[in-house]
C-alpha atoms as a PDB file:
ATOM      1  CA  MET A   1      -6.102 -40.256 109.549  1.00  0.00           C
ATOM      2  CA  GLU A   2      -8.068 -41.521 112.528  1.00  0.00           C
ATOM      3  CA  LYS A   3     -10.007 -44.700 111.797  1.00  0.00           C
ATOM      4  CA  GLU A   4     -13.736 -44.176 111.376  1.00  0.00           C
ATOM      5  CA  ALA A   5     -16.643 -46.311 110.242  1.00  0.00           C
ATOM      6  CA  LEU A   6     -17.808 -46.149 106.635  1.00  0.00           C
ATOM      7  CA  HIS A   7     -21.524 -46.862 106.072  1.00  0.00           C
ATOM      8  CA  ILE A   8     -22.871 -47.425 102.552  1.00  0.00           C
ATOM      9  CA  ALA A   9     -26.530 -47.689 101.514  1.00  0.00           C
ATOM     10  CA  LEU A  10     -27.387 -49.469  98.273  1.00  0.00           C
ATOM     11  CA  GLY A  11     -30.883 -49.797  96.852  1.00  0.00           C
ATOM     12  CA  ILE A  12     -32.598 -51.874  94.168  1.00  0.00           C
ATOM     13  CA  ASP A  13     -35.420 -50.104  92.346  1.00  0.00           C
ATOM     14  CA  THR A  14     -38.517 -51.584  90.746  1.00  0.00           C
ATOM     15  CA  GLU A  15     -36.650 -51.996  87.463  1.00  0.00           C
ATOM     16  CA  GLY A  16     -34.155 -54.275  89.213  1.00  0.00           C
ATOM     17  CA  LYS A  17     -31.328 -51.725  88.966  1.00  0.00           C
ATOM     18  CA  LYS A  18     -28.872 -51.240  91.826  1.00  0.00           C
ATOM     19  CA  GLU A  19     -27.850 -47.785  92.951  1.00  0.00           C
ATOM     20  CA  ILE A  20     -25.599 -46.628  95.765  1.00  0.00           C
ATOM     21  CA  LEU A  21     -27.770 -44.125  97.608  1.00  0.00           C
ATOM     22  CA  GLY A  22     -25.116 -42.598  99.807  1.00  0.00           C
ATOM     23  CA  PHE A  23     -22.200 -43.059 102.162  1.00  0.00           C
ATOM     24  CA  TRP A  24     -21.510 -41.789 105.653  1.00  0.00           C
ATOM     25  CA  ILE A  25     -18.254 -41.616 107.617  1.00  0.00           C
ATOM     26  CA  ASN A  26     -18.877 -41.699 111.336  1.00  0.00           C
ATOM     27  CA  SER A  27     -16.961 -42.504 114.490  1.00  0.00           C
ATOM     28  CA  SER A  28     -19.784 -41.787 116.945  1.00  0.00           C
ATOM     29  CA  ASP A  29     -22.192 -44.136 118.710  1.00  0.00           C
ATOM     30  CA  LEU A  30     -23.332 -46.719 116.134  1.00  0.00           C
ATOM     31  CA  SER A  31     -26.943 -46.861 117.300  1.00  0.00           C
ATOM     32  CA  ASN A  32     -27.277 -43.100 116.878  1.00  0.00           C
ATOM     33  CA  SER A  33     -25.428 -43.258 113.546  1.00  0.00           C
ATOM     34  CA  TRP A  34     -27.881 -45.792 112.136  1.00  0.00           C
ATOM     35  CA  GLU A  35     -30.827 -43.600 113.023  1.00  0.00           C
ATOM     36  CA  LEU A  36     -29.250 -40.563 111.377  1.00  0.00           C
ATOM     37  CA  ILE A  37     -28.574 -42.566 108.220  1.00  0.00           C
ATOM     38  CA  ILE A  38     -32.056 -44.077 108.000  1.00  0.00           C
ATOM     39  CA  ASN A  39     -33.686 -40.718 108.674  1.00  0.00           C
ATOM     40  CA  ASP A  40     -31.479 -39.145 106.009  1.00  0.00           C
ATOM     41  CA  LEU A  41     -32.628 -41.723 103.440  1.00  0.00           C
ATOM     42  CA  LYS A  42     -36.267 -41.074 104.332  1.00  0.00           C
ATOM     43  CA  GLU A  43     -35.889 -37.300 104.063  1.00  0.00           C
ATOM     44  CA  ARG A  44     -34.172 -37.661 100.690  1.00  0.00           C
ATOM     45  CA  GLY A  45     -37.213 -39.416  99.242  1.00  0.00           C
ATOM     46  CA  ILE A  46     -36.847 -43.155  99.943  1.00  0.00           C
ATOM     47  CA  LYS A  47     -40.428 -43.591 101.133  1.00  0.00           C
ATOM     48  CA  GLU A  48     -41.524 -47.121 100.226  1.00  0.00           C
ATOM     49  CA  VAL A  49     -39.210 -50.044 100.916  1.00  0.00           C
ATOM     50  CA  LEU A  50     -40.008 -53.741 100.818  1.00  0.00           C
ATOM     51  CA  LEU A  51     -36.850 -55.105 102.389  1.00  0.00           C
ATOM     52  CA  PHE A  52     -33.756 -53.944 104.251  1.00  0.00           C
ATOM     53  CA  ILE A  53     -30.677 -56.177 104.260  1.00  0.00           C
ATOM     54  CA  ALA A  54     -27.959 -55.538 106.830  1.00  0.00           C
ATOM     55  CA  ASP A  55     -25.250 -57.380 108.700  1.00  0.00           C
ATOM     56  CA  GLY A  56     -27.228 -57.327 111.928  1.00  0.00           C
ATOM     57  CA  PRO A  57     -25.631 -54.604 114.064  1.00  0.00           C
ATOM     58  CA  SER A  58     -27.336 -54.062 117.385  1.00  0.00           C
ATOM     59  CA  GLY A  59     -30.370 -51.799 117.225  1.00  0.00           C
ATOM     60  CA  ILE A  60     -30.560 -51.317 113.464  1.00  0.00           C
ATOM     61  CA  ARG A  61     -33.791 -53.269 112.990  1.00  0.00           C
ATOM     62  CA  GLU A  62     -35.558 -51.175 115.617  1.00  0.00           C
ATOM     63  CA  LYS A  63     -34.345 -47.975 113.936  1.00  0.00           C
ATOM     64  CA  ILE A  64     -35.606 -49.213 110.568  1.00  0.00           C
ATOM     65  CA  LYS A  65     -39.027 -50.060 111.997  1.00  0.00           C
ATOM     66  CA  LYS A  66     -39.305 -46.553 113.424  1.00  0.00           C
ATOM     67  CA  TYR A  67     -39.041 -44.981 109.961  1.00  0.00           C
ATOM     68  CA  TYR A  68     -40.223 -47.843 107.743  1.00  0.00           C
ATOM     69  CA  PRO A  69     -42.736 -49.821 109.810  1.00  0.00           C
ATOM     70  CA  THR A  70     -43.945 -52.022 106.950  1.00  0.00           C
ATOM     71  CA  ALA A  71     -40.494 -52.984 105.615  1.00  0.00           C
ATOM     72  CA  ASP A  72     -39.102 -56.479 106.099  1.00  0.00           C
ATOM     73  CA  PHE A  73     -35.626 -57.055 107.507  1.00  0.00           C
ATOM     74  CA  GLN A  74     -33.101 -59.621 106.278  1.00  0.00           C
ATOM     75  CA  SER A  75     -30.061 -60.331 108.424  1.00  0.00           C
ATOM     76  CA  CYS A  76     -27.054 -61.099 106.217  1.00  0.00           C
ATOM     77  CA  ILE A  77     -26.482 -64.854 106.081  1.00  0.00           C
ATOM     78  CA  ILE A  78     -22.765 -64.439 105.278  1.00  0.00           C
ATOM     79  CA  HIS A  79     -22.178 -62.527 108.499  1.00  0.00           C
ATOM     80  CA  ALA A  80     -24.200 -65.128 110.416  1.00  0.00           C
ATOM     81  CA  GLU A  81     -22.038 -67.919 108.987  1.00  0.00           C
ATOM     82  CA  ARG A  82     -18.821 -66.080 109.809  1.00  0.00           C
ATOM     83  CA  ASN A  83     -19.992 -65.302 113.310  1.00  0.00           C
ATOM     84  CA  LEU A  84     -20.883 -68.916 114.079  1.00  0.00           C
ATOM     85  CA  LEU A  85     -17.708 -70.283 112.486  1.00  0.00           C
ATOM     86  CA  SER A  86     -15.623 -67.928 114.625  1.00  0.00           C
ATOM     87  CA  LYS A  87     -16.991 -69.744 117.695  1.00  0.00           C
ATOM     88  CA  VAL A  88     -16.178 -73.325 116.641  1.00  0.00           C
ATOM     89  CA  ARG A  89     -13.030 -75.427 116.683  1.00  0.00           C
ATOM     90  CA  ALA A  90     -10.812 -75.403 113.620  1.00  0.00           C
ATOM     91  CA  GLY A  91     -11.440 -79.085 112.946  1.00  0.00           C
ATOM     92  CA  ASP A  92     -15.215 -78.532 112.748  1.00  0.00           C
ATOM     93  CA  LYS A  93     -15.233 -75.437 110.560  1.00  0.00           C
ATOM     94  CA  ASP A  94     -15.422 -77.131 107.162  1.00  0.00           C
ATOM     95  CA  ILE A  95     -18.271 -79.483 107.948  1.00  0.00           C
ATOM     96  CA  ILE A  96     -20.238 -76.847 109.853  1.00  0.00           C
ATOM     97  CA  GLY A  97     -19.737 -74.392 107.000  1.00  0.00           C
ATOM     98  CA  ARG A  98     -21.119 -76.932 104.504  1.00  0.00           C
ATOM     99  CA  GLU A  99     -24.098 -77.710 106.721  1.00  0.00           C
ATOM    100  CA  MET A 100     -24.933 -74.034 107.142  1.00  0.00           C
ATOM    101  CA  LYS A 101     -24.871 -73.546 103.380  1.00  0.00           C
ATOM    102  CA  ARG A 102     -27.337 -76.461 103.087  1.00  0.00           C
ATOM    103  CA  ILE A 103     -29.701 -74.601 105.402  1.00  0.00           C
ATOM    104  CA  PHE A 104     -29.612 -71.383 103.385  1.00  0.00           C
ATOM    105  CA  ASP A 105     -29.731 -73.136  99.997  1.00  0.00           C
ATOM    106  CA  ALA A 106     -32.908 -75.062 100.852  1.00  0.00           C
ATOM    107  CA  SER A 107     -35.713 -74.783  98.306  1.00  0.00           C
ATOM    108  CA  SER A 108     -38.229 -73.494 100.863  1.00  0.00           C
ATOM    109  CA  GLU A 109     -38.373 -71.915 104.308  1.00  0.00           C
ATOM    110  CA  GLU A 110     -39.932 -75.084 105.680  1.00  0.00           C
ATOM    111  CA  GLU A 111     -37.018 -77.146 104.382  1.00  0.00           C
ATOM    112  CA  ALA A 112     -34.508 -74.597 105.708  1.00  0.00           C
ATOM    113  CA  ARG A 113     -36.023 -74.817 109.197  1.00  0.00           C
ATOM    114  CA  LYS A 114     -35.978 -78.614 109.026  1.00  0.00           C
ATOM    115  CA  ARG A 115     -32.296 -78.571 108.088  1.00  0.00           C
ATOM    116  CA  PHE A 116     -31.549 -76.100 110.872  1.00  0.00           C
ATOM    117  CA  ASN A 117     -33.214 -78.407 113.425  1.00  0.00           C
ATOM    118  CA  GLU A 118     -31.057 -81.279 112.176  1.00  0.00           C
ATOM    119  CA  PHE A 119     -28.016 -79.008 112.392  1.00  0.00           C
ATOM    120  CA  LYS A 120     -28.952 -78.018 115.938  1.00  0.00           C
ATOM    121  CA  GLU A 121     -29.431 -81.643 116.957  1.00  0.00           C
ATOM    122  CA  THR A 122     -25.933 -82.504 115.663  1.00  0.00           C
ATOM    123  CA  TRP A 123     -24.006 -79.579 117.130  1.00  0.00           C
ATOM    124  CA  ASN A 124     -25.942 -78.196 120.092  1.00  0.00           C
ATOM    125  CA  ASN A 125     -24.103 -80.223 122.720  1.00  0.00           C
ATOM    126  CA  ARG A 126     -20.743 -78.993 121.483  1.00  0.00           C
ATOM    127  CA  TYR A 127     -21.632 -75.359 120.701  1.00  0.00           C
ATOM    128  CA  PRO A 128     -24.822 -74.508 122.612  1.00  0.00           C
ATOM    129  CA  LYS A 129     -24.278 -70.753 122.821  1.00  0.00           C
ATOM    130  CA  ALA A 130     -23.396 -70.350 119.131  1.00  0.00           C
ATOM    131  CA  ILE A 131     -26.383 -72.455 118.055  1.00  0.00           C
ATOM    132  CA  TYR A 132     -28.688 -70.574 120.421  1.00  0.00           C
ATOM    133  CA  ASN A 133     -27.541 -67.207 119.049  1.00  0.00           C
ATOM    134  CA  MET A 134     -28.263 -68.345 115.504  1.00  0.00           C
ATOM    135  CA  GLU A 135     -31.619 -69.809 116.475  1.00  0.00           C
ATOM    136  CA  THR A 136     -32.767 -66.541 118.059  1.00  0.00           C
ATOM    137  CA  ARG A 137     -32.109 -64.778 114.719  1.00  0.00           C
ATOM    138  CA  LEU A 138     -33.413 -67.525 112.469  1.00  0.00           C
ATOM    139  CA  ASP A 139     -36.595 -65.676 111.486  1.00  0.00           C
ATOM    140  CA  LEU A 140     -34.518 -62.688 110.350  1.00  0.00           C
ATOM    141  CA  LEU A 141     -32.059 -64.934 108.520  1.00  0.00           C
ATOM    142  CA  LEU A 142     -34.842 -66.606 106.516  1.00  0.00           C
ATOM    143  CA  THR A 143     -36.815 -63.514 105.504  1.00  0.00           C
ATOM    144  CA  TYR A 144     -35.668 -63.911 101.889  1.00  0.00           C
ATOM    145  CA  TYR A 145     -38.003 -66.892 101.499  1.00  0.00           C
ATOM    146  CA  LYS A 146     -40.907 -64.424 101.449  1.00  0.00           C
ATOM    147  CA  TYR A 147     -39.641 -63.218  98.069  1.00  0.00           C
ATOM    148  CA  PRO A 148     -39.548 -64.903  94.637  1.00  0.00           C
ATOM    149  CA  GLU A 149     -36.991 -67.667  94.222  1.00  0.00           C
ATOM    150  CA  PRO A 150     -35.062 -66.083  91.286  1.00  0.00           C
ATOM    151  CA  ILE A 151     -33.807 -63.152  93.421  1.00  0.00           C
ATOM    152  CA  ARG A 152     -33.271 -64.865  96.768  1.00  0.00           C
ATOM    153  CA  LYS A 153     -29.518 -65.251  96.433  1.00  0.00           C
ATOM    154  CA  VAL A 154     -29.205 -61.524  95.736  1.00  0.00           C
ATOM    155  CA  ILE A 155     -31.276 -60.373  98.714  1.00  0.00           C
ATOM    156  CA  ARG A 156     -30.012 -62.657 101.466  1.00  0.00           C
ATOM    157  CA  SER A 157     -26.623 -61.020 102.036  1.00  0.00           C
ATOM    158  CA  THR A 158     -24.740 -57.733 101.841  1.00  0.00           C
ATOM    159  CA  ASN A 159     -22.107 -59.161  99.494  1.00  0.00           C
ATOM    160  CA  VAL A 160     -22.290 -56.280  97.012  1.00  0.00           C
ATOM    161  CA  ILE A 161     -21.493 -53.732  99.718  1.00  0.00           C
ATOM    162  CA  GLU A 162     -18.800 -56.000 101.171  1.00  0.00           C
ATOM    163  CA  ARG A 163     -17.028 -56.123  97.801  1.00  0.00           C
ATOM    164  CA  LEU A 164     -17.317 -52.363  97.414  1.00  0.00           C
ATOM    165  CA  ASN A 165     -15.883 -51.831 100.904  1.00  0.00           C
ATOM    166  CA  LYS A 166     -12.869 -53.970  99.994  1.00  0.00           C
ATOM    167  CA  GLU A 167     -12.276 -51.995  96.814  1.00  0.00           C
ATOM    168  CA  ILE A 168     -12.479 -48.703  98.702  1.00  0.00           C
ATOM    169  CA  ARG A 169     -10.133 -49.930 101.441  1.00  0.00           C
ATOM    170  CA  ARG A 170      -7.565 -50.880  98.808  1.00  0.00           C
ATOM    171  CA  ARG A 171      -7.792 -47.449  97.234  1.00  0.00           C
ATOM    172  CA  ILE A 172      -7.448 -45.444 100.426  1.00  0.00           C
ATOM    173  CA  LYS A 173      -4.738 -47.675 101.918  1.00  0.00           C
ATOM    174  CA  ILE A 174      -2.067 -45.855  99.949  1.00  0.00           C
ATOM    175  CA  ILE A 175      -3.043 -42.566 101.613  1.00  0.00           C
ATOM    176  CA  ASP A 176      -3.759 -44.019 105.050  1.00  0.00           C
ATOM    177  CA  SER A 177      -0.819 -42.161 106.599  1.00  0.00           C
ATOM    178  CA  LEU A 178      -1.836 -38.820 105.114  1.00  0.00           C
ATOM    179  CA  PRO A 179      -4.059 -36.306 106.924  1.00  0.00           C
ATOM    180  CA  GLY A 180      -7.446 -35.199 105.699  1.00  0.00           C
ATOM    181  CA  GLU A 181     -10.838 -36.873 105.716  1.00  0.00           C
ATOM    182  CA  GLU A 182     -11.817 -34.881 102.622  1.00  0.00           C
ATOM    183  CA  LEU A 183      -9.306 -36.786 100.489  1.00  0.00           C
ATOM    184  CA  ALA A 184     -10.786 -40.099 101.613  1.00  0.00           C
ATOM    185  CA  ARG A 185     -14.301 -38.778 100.923  1.00  0.00           C
ATOM    186  CA  LYS A 186     -13.281 -37.761  97.420  1.00  0.00           C
ATOM    187  CA  ILE A 187     -11.855 -41.212  96.662  1.00  0.00           C
ATOM    188  CA  ILE A 188     -14.996 -42.911  98.001  1.00  0.00           C
ATOM    189  CA  TYR A 189     -17.266 -40.549  96.070  1.00  0.00           C
ATOM    190  CA  LEU A 190     -15.457 -41.124  92.778  1.00  0.00           C
ATOM    191  CA  ARG A 191     -15.559 -44.899  93.235  1.00  0.00           C
ATOM    192  CA  ILE A 192     -19.285 -44.755  93.932  1.00  0.00           C
ATOM    193  CA  ILE A 193     -19.867 -42.694  90.778  1.00  0.00           C
ATOM    194  CA  GLU A 194     -17.992 -45.363  88.787  1.00  0.00           C
ATOM    195  CA  LYS A 195     -20.060 -48.131  90.364  1.00  0.00           C
ATOM    196  CA  ASN A 196     -23.388 -46.407  89.770  1.00  0.00           C
ATOM    197  CA  ASP A 197     -22.488 -45.917  86.114  1.00  0.00           C
ATOM    198  CA  LYS A 198     -21.977 -49.681  85.824  1.00  0.00           C
ATOM    199  CA  PHE A 199     -25.116 -50.489  87.816  1.00  0.00           C
ATOM    200  CA  SER A 200     -27.287 -48.282  85.592  1.00  0.00           C
ATOM    201  CA  GLY A 201     -26.923 -50.673  82.665  1.00  0.00           C
ATOM    202  CA  ARG A 202     -27.583 -53.897  84.537  1.00  0.00           C
ATOM    203  CA  THR A 203     -30.544 -55.635  86.110  1.00  0.00           C
ATOM    204  CA  ILE A 204     -29.962 -57.878  89.118  1.00  0.00           C
ATOM    205  CA  LEU A 205     -29.878 -61.614  88.531  1.00  0.00           C
ATOM    206  CA  GLY A 206     -33.352 -63.120  88.214  1.00  0.00           C
ATOM    207  CA  PHE A 207     -35.284 -59.862  88.512  1.00  0.00           C
ATOM    208  CA  ASN A 208     -36.922 -59.856  85.070  1.00  0.00           C
ATOM    209  CA  ILE A 209     -38.399 -63.295  85.758  1.00  0.00           C
ATOM    210  CA  CYS A 210     -40.255 -62.082  88.829  1.00  0.00           C
ATOM    211  CA  LYS A 211     -40.691 -58.349  88.221  1.00  0.00           C
ATOM    212  CA  ASP A 212     -44.502 -58.593  88.141  1.00  0.00           C
ATOM    213  CA  ASP A 213     -44.491 -60.397  91.488  1.00  0.00           C
ATOM    214  CA  ILE A 214     -42.342 -57.646  93.019  1.00  0.00           C
ATOM    215  CA  ILE A 215     -44.666 -54.922  91.699  1.00  0.00           C
ATOM    216  CA  ARG A 216     -47.682 -56.788  93.105  1.00  0.00           C
ATOM    217  CA  THR A 217     -45.967 -56.989  96.489  1.00  0.00           C
ATOM    218  CA  PHE A 218     -45.401 -53.233  96.442  1.00  0.00           C
ATOM    219  CA  ASP A 219     -49.036 -52.766  95.442  1.00  0.00           C
ATOM    220  CA  MET A 220     -50.336 -54.888  98.316  1.00  0.00           C
ATOM    221  CA  ARG A 221     -48.079 -53.283 100.893  1.00  0.00           C
ATOM    222  CA  TYR A 222     -48.349 -49.657  99.805  1.00  0.00           C
ATOM    223  CA  SER A 223     -51.631 -49.629  97.833  1.00  0.00           C
ATOM    224  CA  TRP A 224     -49.865 -48.789  94.603  1.00  0.00           C
ATOM    225  CA  PRO A 225     -51.479 -48.476  91.200  1.00  0.00           C
ATOM    226  CA  LEU A 226     -49.812 -51.345  89.352  1.00  0.00           C
ATOM    227  CA  HIS A 227     -48.208 -49.052  86.784  1.00  0.00           C
ATOM    228  CA  LYS A 228     -46.277 -47.095  89.402  1.00  0.00           C
ATOM    229  CA  ASN A 229     -42.570 -47.435  88.819  1.00  0.00           C
ATOM    230  CA  VAL A 230     -40.620 -46.060  91.740  1.00  0.00           C
ATOM    231  CA  GLY A 231     -39.403 -47.487  94.996  1.00  0.00           C
ATOM    232  CA  SER A 232     -36.616 -49.525  96.477  1.00  0.00           C
ATOM    233  CA  MET A 233     -36.161 -53.014  97.828  1.00  0.00           C
END
């Protein structure tokens, strides 16, 4: 089977429950693919979103803004760390990795920016391009600080989707030499059904502590009545 890109959309509703909203297999132009996916979500009823989290592919934020102009965007910190570490010498990887984690584990956005400036001062002479690339995306990397502290670790990366992708790759690897996209689709679909069954009984870490704050944020952004109980992060 010819290699194609698998895109997965996962949402968190206002009860703090995760749900995989869909998957798309596409080998065409990525920018166009993102727009088709985002438009598809909108047409299927995802109308009010507080936050999108993605790994930062080119053009995705602009596509999101076109359909969801009031939504925030969080660039995945894990992908940012990997990208920067891929540009540094092997001997510097461990210490740089620890210092980056200090930035993203700061107790406030102000402290995170302070730690980034210290990080930049230490490493800019050695890795100016890598530091510059991170600095230009810093606002998008720190969006999660706009949200309550108990859920920040959940909403600052695409780890859940990354783990699901790995599981799916393992499952389809055994049929990789066999023809037929439909077989791959069936395997992906069945795995997603299994995952959604598990998600339906769980609330994301920290959500119950700050649920009222999340509902108020929806109310302010979309003029909700406070009892309304639909939506997605």
